[in-house]
Amino acid sequence: MSLLRPLALALGTALVTLVVACSSSDDGGSSGTSGTSGTSGASGTTSACATDTRKDVYTAGLAKQTAGALSVKLMEATPAPPAKLSNALTFHVTDAAGSPVDGATLSVTPFMPDHGHGSSVKPSVTPKGGGAYDVTNVYLPMPGLWRLTVTVQQPNVAAQDVAFSFCIDG
């Protein structure tokens, strides 16, 4: 019986730590960790983001192809590369022949795979024509790896997804 009390206390402390680390407020006032060790800054040590091999390296025009042969290019990010808090992105979608895809419904879903949660803010998408789609309110409230799943839904065609992954420093 005496071993159960310290174990329960340790488990309770770990649970509180996990909840606090993954909680965030909509005002952007919280901070957290990526779930891996590492720091950045003047000390010269490498951040966890610098060594994360799952991330995409941001460049304007970074392209991904869906299983259905659509090309989704991240044409621009503000800030560039994507960073903690609010981001704006512009995507360009083309079909297998390279023609712009207009009239599609585009959605972007931020998700933090290491923590198992998304963002509390839903991104807003505005079609611009010529296959371009502006996405605002891409809110990444804490440092770590974020996966941005872009879903393209065309009329009478199954939805197609691609994912861009960016590691956000604190």
C-alpha atoms as a PDB file:
ATOM      1  CA  MET A   1       0.000   0.000   0.000  1.00  0.00           C
ATOM      2  CA  SER A   2       2.875   2.387   0.780  1.00  0.00           C
ATOM      3  CA  LEU A   3       4.227   2.054  -2.809  1.00  0.00           C
ATOM      4  CA  LEU A   4       0.919   3.115  -4.349  1.00  0.00           C
ATOM      5  CA  ARG A   5       0.896   6.581  -2.800  1.00  0.00           C
ATOM      6  CA  PRO A   6       4.251   7.751  -4.386  1.00  0.00           C
ATOM      7  CA  LEU A   7       3.250   6.166  -7.708  1.00  0.00           C
ATOM      8  CA  ALA A   8      -0.108   7.965  -7.687  1.00  0.00           C
ATOM      9  CA  LEU A   9       1.609  11.252  -6.833  1.00  0.00           C
ATOM     10  CA  ALA A  10       4.142  10.832  -9.681  1.00  0.00           C
ATOM     11  CA  LEU A  11       1.399   9.936 -12.166  1.00  0.00           C
ATOM     12  CA  GLY A  12      -0.700  12.931 -11.091  1.00  0.00           C
ATOM     13  CA  THR A  13       2.278  15.283 -11.461  1.00  0.00           C
ATOM     14  CA  ALA A  14       3.057  13.918 -14.936  1.00  0.00           C
ATOM     15  CA  LEU A  15      -0.563  14.386 -16.032  1.00  0.00           C
ATOM     16  CA  VAL A  16      -0.650  17.993 -14.807  1.00  0.00           C
ATOM     17  CA  THR A  17       2.646  18.703 -16.602  1.00  0.00           C
ATOM     18  CA  LEU A  18       1.290  17.256 -19.868  1.00  0.00           C
ATOM     19  CA  VAL A  19      -1.936  19.262 -19.664  1.00  0.00           C
ATOM     20  CA  VAL A  20      -0.086  22.502 -18.932  1.00  0.00           C
ATOM     21  CA  ALA A  21       2.467  21.917 -21.717  1.00  0.00           C
ATOM     22  CA  CYS A  22      -0.224  21.364 -24.349  1.00  0.00           C
ATOM     23  CA  SER A  23      -2.688  24.027 -23.248  1.00  0.00           C
ATOM     24  CA  SER A  24      -2.911  27.315 -25.042  1.00  0.00           C
ATOM     25  CA  SER A  25      -5.015  30.434 -25.156  1.00  0.00           C
ATOM     26  CA  ASP A  26      -6.470  32.055 -28.234  1.00  0.00           C
ATOM     27  CA  ASP A  27      -4.675  35.306 -27.476  1.00  0.00           C
ATOM     28  CA  GLY A  28      -1.261  33.789 -28.241  1.00  0.00           C
ATOM     29  CA  GLY A  29      -0.006  34.389 -24.734  1.00  0.00           C
ATOM     30  CA  SER A  30       1.069  30.851 -23.950  1.00  0.00           C
ATOM     31  CA  SER A  31       4.218  28.993 -24.678  1.00  0.00           C
ATOM     32  CA  GLY A  32       5.216  25.378 -24.628  1.00  0.00           C
ATOM     33  CA  THR A  33       7.789  22.892 -25.766  1.00  0.00           C
ATOM     34  CA  SER A  34       8.069  20.654 -28.759  1.00  0.00           C
ATOM     35  CA  GLY A  35       8.351  17.557 -26.637  1.00  0.00           C
ATOM     36  CA  THR A  36      12.023  17.139 -27.500  1.00  0.00           C
ATOM     37  CA  SER A  37      15.070  18.649 -25.891  1.00  0.00           C
ATOM     38  CA  GLY A  38      17.083  21.436 -27.395  1.00  0.00           C
ATOM     39  CA  THR A  39      17.436  25.169 -27.214  1.00  0.00           C
ATOM     40  CA  SER A  40      18.199  27.945 -29.593  1.00  0.00           C
ATOM     41  CA  GLY A  41      19.661  31.366 -29.374  1.00  0.00           C
ATOM     42  CA  ALA A  42      22.867  32.989 -28.242  1.00  0.00           C
ATOM     43  CA  SER A  43      24.132  29.881 -26.471  1.00  0.00           C
ATOM     44  CA  GLY A  44      24.925  28.344 -29.858  1.00  0.00           C
ATOM     45  CA  THR A  45      23.196  25.049 -29.155  1.00  0.00           C
ATOM     46  CA  THR A  46      20.990  23.450 -31.781  1.00  0.00           C
ATOM     47  CA  SER A  47      17.212  23.647 -31.403  1.00  0.00           C
ATOM     48  CA  ALA A  48      15.022  20.563 -31.624  1.00  0.00           C
ATOM     49  CA  CYS A  49      13.611  22.055 -34.816  1.00  0.00           C
ATOM     50  CA  ALA A  50      17.029  22.244 -36.429  1.00  0.00           C
ATOM     51  CA  THR A  51      17.519  18.494 -36.073  1.00  0.00           C
ATOM     52  CA  ASP A  52      13.937  17.303 -36.752  1.00  0.00           C
ATOM     53  CA  THR A  53      14.067  15.224 -39.945  1.00  0.00           C
ATOM     54  CA  ARG A  54      10.273  15.158 -40.400  1.00  0.00           C
ATOM     55  CA  LYS A  55       9.977  18.826 -41.316  1.00  0.00           C
ATOM     56  CA  ASP A  56       9.804  20.382 -44.757  1.00  0.00           C
ATOM     57  CA  VAL A  57      12.308  23.122 -45.489  1.00  0.00           C
ATOM     58  CA  TYR A  58      10.282  26.202 -46.418  1.00  0.00           C
ATOM     59  CA  THR A  59      10.910  27.717 -49.822  1.00  0.00           C
ATOM     60  CA  ALA A  60       8.435  29.731 -51.864  1.00  0.00           C
ATOM     61  CA  GLY A  61       6.938  27.298 -54.382  1.00  0.00           C
ATOM     62  CA  LEU A  62       7.330  24.201 -52.176  1.00  0.00           C
ATOM     63  CA  ALA A  63       5.145  21.621 -53.956  1.00  0.00           C
ATOM     64  CA  LYS A  64       3.407  18.415 -52.920  1.00  0.00           C
ATOM     65  CA  GLN A  65       1.386  16.053 -55.093  1.00  0.00           C
ATOM     66  CA  THR A  66      -1.827  14.321 -54.031  1.00  0.00           C
ATOM     67  CA  ALA A  67      -2.520  10.656 -54.754  1.00  0.00           C
ATOM     68  CA  GLY A  68      -4.987  11.928 -57.388  1.00  0.00           C
ATOM     69  CA  ALA A  69      -2.227  13.870 -59.221  1.00  0.00           C
ATOM     70  CA  LEU A  70      -3.105  17.390 -58.085  1.00  0.00           C
ATOM     71  CA  SER A  71      -0.137  19.625 -57.396  1.00  0.00           C
ATOM     72  CA  VAL A  72      -0.413  21.902 -54.357  1.00  0.00           C
ATOM     73  CA  LYS A  73       2.273  24.570 -54.111  1.00  0.00           C
ATOM     74  CA  LEU A  74       2.887  26.775 -51.100  1.00  0.00           C
ATOM     75  CA  MET A  75       3.643  29.965 -52.997  1.00  0.00           C
ATOM     76  CA  GLU A  76       4.072  32.356 -50.085  1.00  0.00           C
ATOM     77  CA  ALA A  77       4.006  32.443 -46.287  1.00  0.00           C
ATOM     78  CA  THR A  78       3.785  35.486 -44.037  1.00  0.00           C
ATOM     79  CA  PRO A  79       5.899  35.302 -41.983  1.00  0.00           C
ATOM     80  CA  ALA A  80       8.312  33.174 -43.987  1.00  0.00           C
ATOM     81  CA  PRO A  81       8.995  30.498 -42.937  1.00  0.00           C
ATOM     82  CA  PRO A  82       5.801  29.844 -40.942  1.00  0.00           C
ATOM     83  CA  ALA A  83       6.253  30.823 -37.303  1.00  0.00           C
ATOM     84  CA  LYS A  84       4.596  30.719 -33.896  1.00  0.00           C
ATOM     85  CA  LEU A  85       1.217  32.513 -33.677  1.00  0.00           C
ATOM     86  CA  SER A  86      -0.677  33.812 -36.736  1.00  0.00           C
ATOM     87  CA  ASN A  87       0.363  32.950 -40.294  1.00  0.00           C
ATOM     88  CA  ALA A  88      -0.991  33.705 -43.776  1.00  0.00           C
ATOM     89  CA  LEU A  89      -0.328  31.336 -46.671  1.00  0.00           C
ATOM     90  CA  THR A  90      -0.985  31.327 -50.411  1.00  0.00           C
ATOM     91  CA  PHE A  91      -1.421  28.002 -52.208  1.00  0.00           C
ATOM     92  CA  HIS A  92      -1.624  27.324 -55.937  1.00  0.00           C
ATOM     93  CA  VAL A  93      -3.432  24.172 -57.082  1.00  0.00           C
ATOM     94  CA  THR A  94      -3.044  22.597 -60.541  1.00  0.00           C
ATOM     95  CA  ASP A  95      -4.274  19.376 -62.098  1.00  0.00           C
ATOM     96  CA  ALA A  96      -2.175  16.620 -63.695  1.00  0.00           C
ATOM     97  CA  ALA A  97      -1.989  18.626 -66.951  1.00  0.00           C
ATOM     98  CA  GLY A  98      -0.729  21.704 -65.086  1.00  0.00           C
ATOM     99  CA  SER A  99      -3.996  23.641 -65.459  1.00  0.00           C
ATOM    100  CA  PRO A 100      -5.130  25.804 -62.525  1.00  0.00           C
ATOM    101  CA  VAL A 101      -7.849  24.266 -60.346  1.00  0.00           C
ATOM    102  CA  ASP A 102     -10.604  26.794 -59.673  1.00  0.00           C
ATOM    103  CA  GLY A 103     -13.948  26.192 -57.997  1.00  0.00           C
ATOM    104  CA  ALA A 104     -12.532  23.804 -55.416  1.00  0.00           C
ATOM    105  CA  THR A 105     -13.115  24.040 -51.687  1.00  0.00           C
ATOM    106  CA  LEU A 106      -9.752  24.217 -49.967  1.00  0.00           C
ATOM    107  CA  SER A 107      -9.261  23.644 -46.249  1.00  0.00           C
ATOM    108  CA  VAL A 108      -6.135  23.733 -44.106  1.00  0.00           C
ATOM    109  CA  THR A 109      -5.946  21.778 -40.851  1.00  0.00           C
ATOM    110  CA  PRO A 110      -3.037  22.475 -38.477  1.00  0.00           C
ATOM    111  CA  PHE A 111      -2.120  19.514 -36.240  1.00  0.00           C
ATOM    112  CA  MET A 112       0.726  18.922 -33.809  1.00  0.00           C
ATOM    113  CA  PRO A 113       1.470  15.170 -34.112  1.00  0.00           C
ATOM    114  CA  ASP A 114       3.838  14.973 -31.134  1.00  0.00           C
ATOM    115  CA  HIS A 115       1.180  16.411 -28.831  1.00  0.00           C
ATOM    116  CA  GLY A 116      -1.910  14.975 -30.527  1.00  0.00           C
ATOM    117  CA  HIS A 117      -3.811  18.260 -30.904  1.00  0.00           C
ATOM    118  CA  GLY A 118      -4.686  20.898 -33.439  1.00  0.00           C
ATOM    119  CA  SER A 119      -5.091  24.640 -33.232  1.00  0.00           C
ATOM    120  CA  SER A 120      -7.954  26.425 -31.486  1.00  0.00           C
ATOM    121  CA  VAL A 121      -8.408  28.729 -34.498  1.00  0.00           C
ATOM    122  CA  LYS A 122      -9.907  27.605 -37.814  1.00  0.00           C
ATOM    123  CA  PRO A 123      -8.027  28.956 -40.853  1.00  0.00           C
ATOM    124  CA  SER A 124     -10.011  31.015 -43.357  1.00  0.00           C
ATOM    125  CA  VAL A 125      -9.648  30.334 -47.107  1.00  0.00           C
ATOM    126  CA  THR A 126     -10.339  32.826 -49.902  1.00  0.00           C
ATOM    127  CA  PRO A 127     -10.220  31.647 -53.552  1.00  0.00           C
ATOM    128  CA  LYS A 128      -8.339  34.192 -55.683  1.00  0.00           C
ATOM    129  CA  GLY A 129      -8.765  32.653 -59.156  1.00  0.00           C
ATOM    130  CA  GLY A 130      -6.184  31.103 -61.440  1.00  0.00           C
ATOM    131  CA  GLY A 131      -5.750  28.209 -58.996  1.00  0.00           C
ATOM    132  CA  ALA A 132      -4.655  30.519 -56.135  1.00  0.00           C
ATOM    133  CA  TYR A 133      -6.095  30.294 -52.611  1.00  0.00           C
ATOM    134  CA  ASP A 134      -5.220  32.659 -49.755  1.00  0.00           C
ATOM    135  CA  VAL A 135      -5.354  31.167 -46.261  1.00  0.00           C
ATOM    136  CA  THR A 136      -5.363  33.401 -43.182  1.00  0.00           C
ATOM    137  CA  ASN A 137      -5.598  32.675 -39.446  1.00  0.00           C
ATOM    138  CA  VAL A 138      -3.236  29.698 -39.588  1.00  0.00           C
ATOM    139  CA  TYR A 139      -2.608  29.850 -35.852  1.00  0.00           C
ATOM    140  CA  LEU A 140       0.293  27.831 -34.445  1.00  0.00           C
ATOM    141  CA  PRO A 141       0.214  28.598 -30.703  1.00  0.00           C
ATOM    142  CA  MET A 142       3.323  26.746 -29.555  1.00  0.00           C
ATOM    143  CA  PRO A 143       6.763  25.589 -30.693  1.00  0.00           C
ATOM    144  CA  GLY A 144       7.270  22.135 -32.180  1.00  0.00           C
ATOM    145  CA  LEU A 145       6.405  20.190 -35.319  1.00  0.00           C
ATOM    146  CA  TRP A 146       3.137  21.258 -36.992  1.00  0.00           C
ATOM    147  CA  ARG A 147       1.546  19.367 -39.886  1.00  0.00           C
ATOM    148  CA  LEU A 148      -0.631  21.501 -42.169  1.00  0.00           C
ATOM    149  CA  THR A 149      -2.973  19.205 -44.087  1.00  0.00           C
ATOM    150  CA  VAL A 150      -4.365  20.854 -47.209  1.00  0.00           C
ATOM    151  CA  THR A 151      -7.575  19.234 -48.454  1.00  0.00           C
ATOM    152  CA  VAL A 152      -8.807  19.998 -51.976  1.00  0.00           C
ATOM    153  CA  GLN A 153     -12.454  19.152 -52.618  1.00  0.00           C
ATOM    154  CA  GLN A 154     -13.590  19.547 -56.214  1.00  0.00           C
ATOM    155  CA  PRO A 155     -17.205  19.083 -57.311  1.00  0.00           C
ATOM    156  CA  ASN A 156     -17.948  15.398 -58.058  1.00  0.00           C
ATOM    157  CA  VAL A 157     -14.390  14.305 -57.169  1.00  0.00           C
ATOM    158  CA  ALA A 158     -13.149  12.658 -53.979  1.00  0.00           C
ATOM    159  CA  ALA A 159     -11.282  14.987 -51.623  1.00  0.00           C
ATOM    160  CA  GLN A 160      -7.506  14.932 -52.001  1.00  0.00           C
ATOM    161  CA  ASP A 161      -4.969  15.744 -49.269  1.00  0.00           C
ATOM    162  CA  VAL A 162      -1.345  16.771 -49.020  1.00  0.00           C
ATOM    163  CA  ALA A 163       0.575  17.676 -45.875  1.00  0.00           C
ATOM    164  CA  PHE A 164       3.279  20.225 -45.267  1.00  0.00           C
ATOM    165  CA  SER A 165       5.228  19.923 -41.997  1.00  0.00           C
ATOM    166  CA  PHE A 166       7.048  22.805 -40.379  1.00  0.00           C
ATOM    167  CA  CYS A 167       8.988  22.886 -37.138  1.00  0.00           C
ATOM    168  CA  ILE A 168       8.204  26.071 -35.233  1.00  0.00           C
ATOM    169  CA  ASP A 169      10.825  27.500 -32.875  1.00  0.00           C
ATOM    170  CA  GLY A 170       9.737  29.240 -29.687  1.00  0.00           C
END
